C-alpha atoms as a PDB file:
ATOM      1  CA  MET A   1      75.771 114.833  55.403  1.00  0.00           C
ATOM      2  CA  GLY A   2      78.204 116.053  52.881  1.00  0.00           C
ATOM      3  CA  GLY A   3      79.735 119.652  51.777  1.00  0.00           C
ATOM      4  CA  PRO A   4      83.014 120.753  53.276  1.00  0.00           C
ATOM      5  CA  GLY A   5      82.173 123.646  55.740  1.00  0.00           C
ATOM      6  CA  SER A   6      78.844 122.449  56.300  1.00  0.00           C
ATOM      7  CA  ALA A   7      77.068 123.369  59.681  1.00  0.00           C
ATOM      8  CA  ILE A   8      74.391 122.026  61.943  1.00  0.00           C
ATOM      9  CA  SER A   9      72.813 125.093  63.317  1.00  0.00           C
ATOM     10  CA  GLY A  10      70.120 126.076  65.814  1.00  0.00           C
ATOM     11  CA  SER A  11      70.041 126.632  69.580  1.00  0.00           C
ATOM     12  CA  GLY A  12      67.420 123.825  70.309  1.00  0.00           C
ATOM     13  CA  ALA A  13      68.193 120.172  70.913  1.00  0.00           C
ATOM     14  CA  GLN A  14      68.957 118.307  67.696  1.00  0.00           C
ATOM     15  CA  ASN A  15      67.670 114.651  67.304  1.00  0.00           C
ATOM     16  CA  PHE A  16      69.084 112.191  65.064  1.00  0.00           C
ATOM     17  CA  ILE A  17      69.023 108.366  64.660  1.00  0.00           C
ATOM     18  CA  ASN A  18      72.447 108.098  62.736  1.00  0.00           C
ATOM     19  CA  LEU A  19      74.584 110.923  61.548  1.00  0.00           C
ATOM     20  CA  THR A  20      77.360 110.038  59.170  1.00  0.00           C
ATOM     21  CA  LEU A  21      79.622 112.829  58.174  1.00  0.00           C
ATOM     22  CA  ASN A  22      81.358 112.568  54.584  1.00  0.00           C
ATOM     23  CA  ALA A  23      83.089 116.170  54.193  1.00  0.00           C
ATOM     24  CA  SER A  24      85.770 118.047  56.199  1.00  0.00           C
ATOM     25  CA  ASN A  25      85.173 120.763  58.729  1.00  0.00           C
ATOM     26  CA  ILE A  26      81.470 120.065  59.354  1.00  0.00           C
ATOM     27  CA  THR A  27      80.788 121.876  62.803  1.00  0.00           C
ATOM     28  CA  ALA A  28      77.443 121.699  64.891  1.00  0.00           C
ATOM     29  CA  SER A  29      76.219 124.724  67.145  1.00  0.00           C
ATOM     30  CA  SER A  30      76.269 124.929  70.756  1.00  0.00           C
ATOM     31  CA  ALA A  31      73.357 122.899  71.613  1.00  0.00           C
ATOM     32  CA  THR A  32      72.439 119.148  72.748  1.00  0.00           C
ATOM     33  CA  LEU A  33      72.865 116.758  69.813  1.00  0.00           C
ATOM     34  CA  ASN A  34      70.848 113.501  70.606  1.00  0.00           C
ATOM     35  CA  LEU A  35      71.725 110.173  68.613  1.00  0.00           C
ATOM     36  CA  THR A  36      69.781 106.997  69.135  1.00  0.00           C
ATOM     37  CA  GLY A  37      72.167 105.435  66.606  1.00  0.00           C
ATOM     38  CA  SER A  38      75.599 106.057  65.498  1.00  0.00           C
ATOM     39  CA  LEU A  39      78.122 108.913  64.841  1.00  0.00           C
ATOM     40  CA  ALA A  40      80.501 108.175  61.925  1.00  0.00           C
ATOM     41  CA  THR A  41      82.809 109.981  59.834  1.00  0.00           C
ATOM     42  CA  THR A  42      84.179 108.686  56.479  1.00  0.00           C
ATOM     43  CA  THR A  43      87.984 109.030  55.215  1.00  0.00           C
ATOM     44  CA  ALA A  44      87.292 112.646  54.312  1.00  0.00           C
ATOM     45  CA  GLY A  45      84.952 113.608  57.106  1.00  0.00           C
ATOM     46  CA  THR A  46      85.808 115.700  60.151  1.00  0.00           C
ATOM     47  CA  PHE A  47      83.300 116.765  62.883  1.00  0.00           C
ATOM     48  CA  VAL A  48      83.732 119.494  65.349  1.00  0.00           C
ATOM     49  CA  HIS A  49      80.889 120.231  68.156  1.00  0.00           C
ATOM     50  CA  ASN A  50      81.031 123.713  69.305  1.00  0.00           C
ATOM     51  CA  THR A  51      82.119 124.868  72.717  1.00  0.00           C
ATOM     52  CA  GLY A  52      79.013 124.474  75.020  1.00  0.00           C
ATOM     53  CA  SER A  53      77.548 121.511  73.226  1.00  0.00           C
ATOM     54  CA  THR A  54      76.790 118.084  74.489  1.00  0.00           C
ATOM     55  CA  LEU A  55      76.846 114.800  72.223  1.00  0.00           C
ATOM     56  CA  ASN A  56      74.362 112.569  74.087  1.00  0.00           C
ATOM     57  CA  MET A  57      74.404 109.037  72.795  1.00  0.00           C
ATOM     58  CA  THR A  58      70.964 107.583  73.943  1.00  0.00           C
ATOM     59  CA  GLY A  59      70.310 104.183  72.025  1.00  0.00           C
ATOM     60  CA  SER A  60      70.826 100.601  73.175  1.00  0.00           C
ATOM     61  CA  THR A  61      73.492  99.899  69.945  1.00  0.00           C
ATOM     62  CA  GLY A  62      75.181 103.150  69.330  1.00  0.00           C
ATOM     63  CA  SER A  63      78.702 103.510  68.272  1.00  0.00           C
ATOM     64  CA  ILE A  64      81.280 106.247  67.310  1.00  0.00           C
ATOM     65  CA  THR A  65      83.425 105.725  64.249  1.00  0.00           C
ATOM     66  CA  GLY A  66      85.991 107.494  62.123  1.00  0.00           C
ATOM     67  CA  LEU A  67      88.599 110.021  62.322  1.00  0.00           C
ATOM     68  CA  GLY A  68      88.471 113.688  63.015  1.00  0.00           C
ATOM     69  CA  ILE A  69      86.075 113.796  65.835  1.00  0.00           C
ATOM     70  CA  THR A  70      86.210 116.845  68.254  1.00  0.00           C
ATOM     71  CA  LEU A  71      83.178 116.873  70.938  1.00  0.00           C
ATOM     72  CA  ASP A  72      82.763 119.412  73.761  1.00  0.00           C
ATOM     73  CA  ASN A  73      80.810 117.312  76.132  1.00  0.00           C
ATOM     74  CA  LEU A  74      80.085 113.865  75.745  1.00  0.00           C
ATOM     75  CA  SER A  75      77.089 112.072  77.584  1.00  0.00           C
ATOM     76  CA  VAL A  76      76.241 108.336  77.421  1.00  0.00           C
ATOM     77  CA  THR A  77      72.990 107.501  78.544  1.00  0.00           C
ATOM     78  CA  GLY A  78      72.401 104.485  76.418  1.00  0.00           C
ATOM     79  CA  THR A  79      74.912 101.726  75.222  1.00  0.00           C
ATOM     80  CA  THR A  80      77.860 103.033  73.072  1.00  0.00           C
ATOM     81  CA  SER A  81      80.873 101.395  71.528  1.00  0.00           C
ATOM     82  CA  THR A  82      83.863 102.916  69.844  1.00  0.00           C
ATOM     83  CA  THR A  83      87.259 102.024  68.128  1.00  0.00           C
ATOM     84  CA  SER A  84      88.185 105.462  67.221  1.00  0.00           C
ATOM     85  CA  THR A  85      90.582 108.312  68.637  1.00  0.00           C
ATOM     86  CA  LEU A  86      88.283 110.943  69.826  1.00  0.00           C
ATOM     87  CA  THR A  87      88.953 114.607  71.550  1.00  0.00           C
ATOM     88  CA  VAL A  88      86.868 115.662  74.078  1.00  0.00           C
ATOM     89  CA  LYS A  89      87.175 119.286  75.457  1.00  0.00           C
ATOM     90  CA  GLY A  90      84.654 119.208  78.158  1.00  0.00           C
ATOM     91  CA  ASN A  91      83.224 116.654  80.271  1.00  0.00           C
ATOM     92  CA  ILE A  92      82.634 113.008  80.191  1.00  0.00           C
ATOM     93  CA  ALA A  93      79.503 111.765  81.825  1.00  0.00           C
ATOM     94  CA  ILE A  94      78.496 108.018  81.492  1.00  0.00           C
ATOM     95  CA  SER A  95      75.178 106.680  83.210  1.00  0.00           C
ATOM     96  CA  GLY A  96      74.776 103.975  80.547  1.00  0.00           C
ATOM     97  CA  SER A  97      77.881 102.165  78.985  1.00  0.00           C
ATOM     98  CA  LEU A  98      80.615 103.252  77.110  1.00  0.00           C
ATOM     99  CA  ASN A  99      82.906 100.200  75.710  1.00  0.00           C
ATOM    100  CA  ALA A 100      86.176 101.475  73.692  1.00  0.00           C
ATOM    101  CA  THR A 101      88.090  98.625  72.154  1.00  0.00           C
ATOM    102  CA  LEU A 102      90.387 100.712  70.075  1.00  0.00           C
ATOM    103  CA  GLY A 103      91.766 104.216  69.915  1.00  0.00           C
ATOM    104  CA  ALA A 104      92.114 106.734  72.755  1.00  0.00           C
ATOM    105  CA  ILE A 105      89.762 109.568  74.100  1.00  0.00           C
ATOM    106  CA  ALA A 106      91.983 112.873  74.470  1.00  0.00           C
ATOM    107  CA  MET A 107      90.537 115.070  77.123  1.00  0.00           C
ATOM    108  CA  THR A 108      91.904 118.662  76.457  1.00  0.00           C
ATOM    109  CA  GLY A 109      90.139 120.968  78.861  1.00  0.00           C
ATOM    110  CA  THR A 110      91.134 122.243  82.059  1.00  0.00           C
ATOM    111  CA  GLY A 111      89.041 121.700  85.372  1.00  0.00           C
ATOM    112  CA  LYS A 112      86.897 119.048  83.545  1.00  0.00           C
ATOM    113  CA  THR A 113      85.204 115.831  85.000  1.00  0.00           C
ATOM    114  CA  ILE A 114      84.426 111.997  84.281  1.00  0.00           C
ATOM    115  CA  SER A 115      81.457 111.338  85.979  1.00  0.00           C
ATOM    116  CA  GLY A 116      78.435 109.087  86.187  1.00  0.00           C
ATOM    117  CA  ALA A 117      77.755 105.540  87.741  1.00  0.00           C
ATOM    118  CA  GLY A 118      77.725 103.462  84.403  1.00  0.00           C
ATOM    119  CA  THR A 119      80.169 101.339  82.806  1.00  0.00           C
ATOM    120  CA  ILE A 120      83.146 103.127  81.608  1.00  0.00           C
ATOM    121  CA  ALA A 121      85.713 101.265  79.754  1.00  0.00           C
ATOM    122  CA  PHE A 122      88.431 103.181  78.048  1.00  0.00           C
ATOM    123  CA  TYR A 123      91.027 101.516  75.680  1.00  0.00           C
ATOM    124  CA  GLY A 124      93.273 104.632  75.937  1.00  0.00           C
ATOM    125  CA  LEU A 125      92.777 107.803  77.996  1.00  0.00           C
ATOM    126  CA  ILE A 126      94.663 110.740  77.326  1.00  0.00           C
ATOM    127  CA  VAL A 127      94.879 113.683  79.781  1.00  0.00           C
ATOM    128  CA  GLN A 128      96.085 116.724  78.207  1.00  0.00           C
ATOM    129  CA  GLY A 129      94.301 119.117  80.679  1.00  0.00           C
ATOM    130  CA  SER A 130      93.293 118.661  84.075  1.00  0.00           C
ATOM    131  CA  VAL A 131      90.523 116.264  84.937  1.00  0.00           C
ATOM    132  CA  THR A 132      89.156 114.908  88.110  1.00  0.00           C
ATOM    133  CA  THR A 133      86.777 111.845  88.604  1.00  0.00           C
ATOM    134  CA  ALA A 134      84.965 109.990  91.255  1.00  0.00           C
ATOM    135  CA  SER A 135      83.650 107.212  88.867  1.00  0.00           C
ATOM    136  CA  SER A 136      84.801 103.844  88.519  1.00  0.00           C
ATOM    137  CA  TYR A 137      86.574 103.090  85.113  1.00  0.00           C
ATOM    138  CA  SER A 138      88.835 100.583  83.252  1.00  0.00           C
ATOM    139  CA  ILE A 139      91.910 100.994  81.075  1.00  0.00           C
ATOM    140  CA  SER A 140      92.845  98.410  78.629  1.00  0.00           C
ATOM    141  CA  ASN A 141      95.774 100.053  76.599  1.00  0.00           C
ATOM    142  CA  ALA A 142      97.284 103.162  78.230  1.00  0.00           C
ATOM    143  CA  LEU A 143      96.563 105.866  80.875  1.00  0.00           C
ATOM    144  CA  ASP A 144      98.655 108.730  79.577  1.00  0.00           C
ATOM    145  CA  VAL A 145      98.661 111.935  81.744  1.00  0.00           C
ATOM    146  CA  LYS A 146     100.297 115.064  80.339  1.00  0.00           C
ATOM    147  CA  ARG A 147      99.230 117.544  82.979  1.00  0.00           C
ATOM    148  CA  SER A 148      96.821 116.621  85.960  1.00  0.00           C
ATOM    149  CA  PHE A 149      94.683 113.623  86.832  1.00  0.00           C
ATOM    150  CA  SER A 150      92.868 112.601  90.089  1.00  0.00           C
ATOM    151  CA  ALA A 151      90.279 110.424  91.454  1.00  0.00           C
ATOM    152  CA  SER A 152      88.615 111.204  94.925  1.00  0.00           C
ATOM    153  CA  ALA A 153      86.574 108.138  94.798  1.00  0.00           C
ATOM    154  CA  GLY A 154      85.646 105.159  92.417  1.00  0.00           C
ATOM    155  CA  ILE A 155      87.958 102.449  91.128  1.00  0.00           C
ATOM    156  CA  THR A 156      90.574 102.617  88.432  1.00  0.00           C
ATOM    157  CA  THR A 157      90.993  98.964  86.798  1.00  0.00           C
ATOM    158  CA  PHE A 158      93.964  98.105  84.545  1.00  0.00           C
ATOM    159  CA  LYS A 159      93.055  95.350  82.240  1.00  0.00           C
ATOM    160  CA  ASN A 160      95.067  93.489  79.409  1.00  0.00           C
ATOM    161  CA  SER A 161      98.909  94.891  79.014  1.00  0.00           C
ATOM    162  CA  ALA A 162      98.391  98.392  80.255  1.00  0.00           C
ATOM    163  CA  THR A 163     100.673 101.255  80.458  1.00  0.00           C
ATOM    164  CA  LEU A 164     100.831 104.532  82.623  1.00  0.00           C
ATOM    165  CA  ASN A 165     102.614 107.333  81.647  1.00  0.00           C
ATOM    166  CA  GLY A 166     102.899 110.493  83.676  1.00  0.00           C
ATOM    167  CA  THR A 167     101.509 110.977  87.149  1.00  0.00           C
ATOM    168  CA  ALA A 168      98.116 109.701  88.150  1.00  0.00           C
ATOM    169  CA  ASN A 169      96.800 110.346  91.466  1.00  0.00           C
ATOM    170  CA  LEU A 170      94.189 107.671  91.852  1.00  0.00           C
ATOM    171  CA  PHE A 171      91.804 106.487  94.641  1.00  0.00           C
ATOM    172  CA  ASN A 172      91.211 102.697  94.617  1.00  0.00           C
ATOM    173  CA  VAL A 173      93.327 100.552  91.905  1.00  0.00           C
ATOM    174  CA  ILE A 174      92.718  97.216  90.932  1.00  0.00           C
ATOM    175  CA  LEU A 175      95.510  95.449  88.672  1.00  0.00           C
ATOM    176  CA  ASN A 176      93.434  92.573  86.720  1.00  0.00           C
ATOM    177  CA  ALA A 177      95.790  92.276  83.777  1.00  0.00           C
ATOM    178  CA  THR A 178      98.540  90.521  82.035  1.00  0.00           C
ATOM    179  CA  SER A 179     100.799  93.472  83.269  1.00  0.00           C
ATOM    180  CA  LEU A 180     100.795  97.091  84.236  1.00  0.00           C
ATOM    181  CA  LEU A 181     103.852  98.779  82.727  1.00  0.00           C
ATOM    182  CA  LEU A 182     104.955 101.989  84.710  1.00  0.00           C
ATOM    183  CA  SER A 183     106.921 104.105  82.219  1.00  0.00           C
ATOM    184  CA  THR A 184     109.829 106.280  82.863  1.00  0.00           C
ATOM    185  CA  ASN A 185     109.199 108.957  85.341  1.00  0.00           C
ATOM    186  CA  SER A 186     105.685 107.831  85.929  1.00  0.00           C
ATOM    187  CA  VAL A 187     104.041 108.080  89.350  1.00  0.00           C
ATOM    188  CA  LEU A 188     101.153 105.667  90.267  1.00  0.00           C
ATOM    189  CA  GLY A 189      99.631 107.442  93.116  1.00  0.00           C
ATOM    190  CA  ILE A 190      97.041 105.676  95.357  1.00  0.00           C
ATOM    191  CA  SER A 191      95.074 107.149  98.074  1.00  0.00           C
ATOM    192  CA  ASN A 192      93.003 104.165  99.208  1.00  0.00           C
ATOM    193  CA  VAL A 193      93.159 100.424  98.239  1.00  0.00           C
ATOM    194  CA  PHE A 194      95.503  98.873  95.786  1.00  0.00           C
ATOM    195  CA  THR A 195      94.558  95.214  94.717  1.00  0.00           C
ATOM    196  CA  ILE A 196      96.576  92.901  92.554  1.00  0.00           C
ATOM    197  CA  THR A 197      94.081  90.367  91.294  1.00  0.00           C
ATOM    198  CA  ALA A 198      96.083  89.217  88.278  1.00  0.00           C
ATOM    199  CA  GLY A 199      98.966  90.018  86.413  1.00  0.00           C
ATOM    200  CA  THR A 200     102.333  91.782  87.083  1.00  0.00           C
ATOM    201  CA  LEU A 201     103.268  95.220  88.079  1.00  0.00           C
ATOM    202  CA  ASN A 202     106.149  96.059  85.517  1.00  0.00           C
ATOM    203  CA  VAL A 203     108.378  98.331  87.083  1.00  0.00           C
ATOM    204  CA  THR A 204     111.768  97.106  85.778  1.00  0.00           C
ATOM    205  CA  THR A 205     111.190  97.850  81.766  1.00  0.00           C
ATOM    206  CA  ALA A 206     111.397 101.423  82.033  1.00  0.00           C
ATOM    207  CA  LEU A 207     113.156 103.362  84.838  1.00  0.00           C
ATOM    208  CA  PRO A 208     112.675 105.149  87.160  1.00  0.00           C
ATOM    209  CA  ASN A 209     109.169 104.875  88.448  1.00  0.00           C
ATOM    210  CA  THR A 210     107.393 105.594  91.442  1.00  0.00           C
ATOM    211  CA  VAL A 211     104.358 103.880  93.215  1.00  0.00           C
ATOM    212  CA  SER A 212     103.106 106.519  96.065  1.00  0.00           C
ATOM    213  CA  PHE A 213     100.793 105.422  98.730  1.00  0.00           C
ATOM    214  CA  ASN A 214      99.405 108.926  99.617  1.00  0.00           C
ATOM    215  CA  GLY A 215      96.078 108.405 101.572  1.00  0.00           C
ATOM    216  CA  SER A 216      95.666 110.441 104.976  1.00  0.00           C
ATOM    217  CA  GLY A 217      94.541 107.261 106.667  1.00  0.00           C
ATOM    218  CA  ALA A 218      95.478 103.574 107.004  1.00  0.00           C
ATOM    219  CA  GLN A 219      96.697 101.710 103.966  1.00  0.00           C
ATOM    220  CA  THR A 220      98.053  98.431 103.010  1.00  0.00           C
ATOM    221  CA  ILE A 221     100.927  97.853 100.785  1.00  0.00           C
ATOM    222  CA  PRO A 222     100.652  94.719  98.548  1.00  0.00           C
ATOM    223  CA  SER A 223     103.541  92.368  98.299  1.00  0.00           C
ATOM    224  CA  THR A 224     105.092  92.842  95.138  1.00  0.00           C
ATOM    225  CA  THR A 225     108.153  94.465  93.460  1.00  0.00           C
ATOM    226  CA  TYR A 226     108.541  98.306  93.158  1.00  0.00           C
ATOM    227  CA  ASN A 227     111.156 100.642  91.655  1.00  0.00           C
ATOM    228  CA  ARG A 228     110.767 103.697  93.902  1.00  0.00           C
ATOM    229  CA  LEU A 229     108.353 103.241  96.578  1.00  0.00           C
ATOM    230  CA  LEU A 230     106.982 106.540  98.630  1.00  0.00           C
ATOM    231  CA  LEU A 231     104.911 106.606 101.861  1.00  0.00           C
ATOM    232  CA  THR A 232     103.357 109.966 102.227  1.00  0.00           C
ATOM    233  CA  ASN A 233     100.617 112.179 103.634  1.00  0.00           C
ATOM    234  CA  GLY A 234     100.230 110.788 106.957  1.00  0.00           C
ATOM    235  CA  GLY A 235      98.661 107.494 108.216  1.00  0.00           C
ATOM    236  CA  THR A 236     100.006 104.136 108.920  1.00  0.00           C
ATOM    237  CA  LYS A 237     100.839 102.156 105.656  1.00  0.00           C
ATOM    238  CA  SER A 238     101.244  98.564 106.682  1.00  0.00           C
ATOM    239  CA  ALA A 239     102.994  95.658 104.733  1.00  0.00           C
ATOM    240  CA  GLY A 240     100.540  93.243 103.186  1.00  0.00           C
ATOM    241  CA  GLY A 241     103.395  90.789 102.444  1.00  0.00           C
ATOM    242  CA  VAL A 242     107.138  90.831 101.376  1.00  0.00           C
ATOM    243  CA  ILE A 243     107.855  94.047  99.700  1.00  0.00           C
ATOM    244  CA  THR A 244     110.771  94.386  97.363  1.00  0.00           C
ATOM    245  CA  THR A 245     112.176  97.801  96.265  1.00  0.00           C
ATOM    246  CA  ASN A 246     114.778  98.206  93.676  1.00  0.00           C
ATOM    247  CA  GLY A 247     114.857 101.979  94.196  1.00  0.00           C
ATOM    248  CA  ASN A 248     114.664 104.444  97.012  1.00  0.00           C
ATOM    249  CA  PHE A 249     111.966 103.498  99.834  1.00  0.00           C
ATOM    250  CA  THR A 250     111.044 106.498 101.202  1.00  0.00           C
ATOM    251  CA  ILE A 251     108.763 107.088 104.284  1.00  0.00           C
ATOM    252  CA  ASN A 252     107.800 111.030 104.593  1.00  0.00           C
ATOM    253  CA  SER A 253     107.306 112.854 107.815  1.00  0.00           C
ATOM    254  CA  ALA A 254     104.281 112.248 109.692  1.00  0.00           C
ATOM    255  CA  THR A 255     103.690 108.770 108.160  1.00  0.00           C
ATOM    256  CA  THR A 256     104.262 105.339 109.545  1.00  0.00           C
ATOM    257  CA  PHE A 257     105.449 101.896 108.056  1.00  0.00           C
ATOM    258  CA  ASN A 258     104.190  99.236 109.972  1.00  0.00           C
ATOM    259  CA  ALA A 259     106.667  96.391 108.576  1.00  0.00           C
ATOM    260  CA  GLY A 260     104.756  93.371 110.059  1.00  0.00           C
ATOM    261  CA  THR A 261     106.295  90.115 110.220  1.00  0.00           C
ATOM    262  CA  PHE A 262     107.802  89.803 106.659  1.00  0.00           C
ATOM    263  CA  THR A 263     111.331  89.674 105.399  1.00  0.00           C
ATOM    264  CA  HIS A 264     111.737  92.828 103.039  1.00  0.00           C
ATOM    265  CA  LEU A 265     114.220  93.010 100.350  1.00  0.00           C
ATOM    266  CA  LEU A 266     115.829  96.383  99.567  1.00  0.00           C
ATOM    267  CA  TYR A 267     118.032  97.003  96.639  1.00  0.00           C
ATOM    268  CA  SER A 268     118.622 100.598  97.172  1.00  0.00           C
ATOM    269  CA  ASN A 269     118.461 103.406  99.756  1.00  0.00           C
ATOM    270  CA  LEU A 270     115.975 103.596 102.818  1.00  0.00           C
ATOM    271  CA  ILE A 271     114.878 107.034 103.562  1.00  0.00           C
ATOM    272  CA  ASN A 272     112.929 107.436 106.691  1.00  0.00           C
ATOM    273  CA  ASN A 273     111.698 110.848 107.621  1.00  0.00           C
ATOM    274  CA  GLY A 274     108.595 109.492 109.296  1.00  0.00           C
ATOM    275  CA  VAL A 275     108.315 106.260 111.655  1.00  0.00           C
ATOM    276  CA  PHE A 276     109.366 102.762 110.915  1.00  0.00           C
ATOM    277  CA  SER A 277     107.750 100.422 113.027  1.00  0.00           C
ATOM    278  CA  ALA A 278     109.751  97.241 112.510  1.00  0.00           C
ATOM    279  CA  ALA A 279     107.725  94.817 114.474  1.00  0.00           C
ATOM    280  CA  THR A 280     109.118  91.482 113.954  1.00  0.00           C
ATOM    281  CA  SER A 281     109.917  92.032 110.452  1.00  0.00           C
ATOM    282  CA  THR A 282     113.433  91.731 108.849  1.00  0.00           C
ATOM    283  CA  VAL A 283     114.835  94.215 106.342  1.00  0.00           C
ATOM    284  CA  THR A 284     117.577  92.511 103.911  1.00  0.00           C
ATOM    285  CA  PHE A 285     119.821  95.013 101.704  1.00  0.00           C
ATOM    286  CA  THR A 286     120.363  92.736  98.904  1.00  0.00           C
ATOM    287  CA  GLY A 287     121.896  95.070  96.204  1.00  0.00           C
ATOM    288  CA  VAL A 288     125.469  94.874  94.673  1.00  0.00           C
ATOM    289  CA  GLU A 289     126.011  98.625  95.060  1.00  0.00           C
ATOM    290  CA  ASP A 290     126.052 100.706  98.290  1.00  0.00           C
ATOM    291  CA  VAL A 291     123.285 101.817 100.125  1.00  0.00           C
ATOM    292  CA  SER A 292     122.435 104.256 102.418  1.00  0.00           C
ATOM    293  CA  ILE A 293     119.959 103.942 105.660  1.00  0.00           C
ATOM    294  CA  THR A 294     118.777 107.572 106.587  1.00  0.00           C
ATOM    295  CA  CYS A 295     116.442 106.947 109.488  1.00  0.00           C
ATOM    296  CA  ALA A 296     116.200 107.126 113.514  1.00  0.00           C
ATOM    297  CA  THR A 297     114.507 103.850 114.257  1.00  0.00           C
ATOM    298  CA  THR A 298     115.326 100.057 114.904  1.00  0.00           C
ATOM    299  CA  LEU A 299     115.721  97.687 112.231  1.00  0.00           C
ATOM    300  CA  MET A 300     116.289  93.954 112.294  1.00  0.00           C
ATOM    301  CA  VAL A 301     118.710  93.420 109.560  1.00  0.00           C
END
């Protein structure tokens, strides 16, 4: 489709096999656009799907390619791949398969969702508005949260060499990667289970950063090195092994830390506003700088 400023109009559903846009400022009306094939823009092409519309990718070998693509809602009921950077102003719903191997999907809307029980594989996900999800998905490059992103269910899997920017309050988290880099001032919030299958949680390259176990129920803290470790929102958080903290280790009010039988290594301050259940553990303060202990409990040091 060519001609700068062209429009795909009409209030009904619009059905195409492939749609290629060769000119700038092409728009589509507030309707459902069903594609069994591919959506593509050329070098000069740009596409904006108007507010209230949905791009529904239904084909088994669909793709989205090119630059300058802005969608309102994105639905994938078939199988779609992309290597492009897209803007999605509305919701993302995947009952089929979305596989992004390059680029990033930027979600700009407020009160939007990522939903569906399909396969959701992001290369990069940029949250510029506020987004919630209860779905499982993976990140291969970066999760970049500018405002608000939270998960109430599902699994977030970090793959390859991934990075977290900003604050992400997630449900289940799996690290199955070479590394997950927590950038400066980033917060990885986990309200259920954190599993390290493969790879390294990189908390030393960009300081400071925080891992927050913020579920209201019982949680297990994997054995690894943290910069700032925060236990909050009640419940008992139990050590799953030796815990090393390079920054502050904070236990908030109404929250219990069960240290188990391990020897934990703290390079900075221990701030206990909750309950430190030492059991038969040992806490070793190994830093070269002075540290403070703010708590009213028994420590085996």
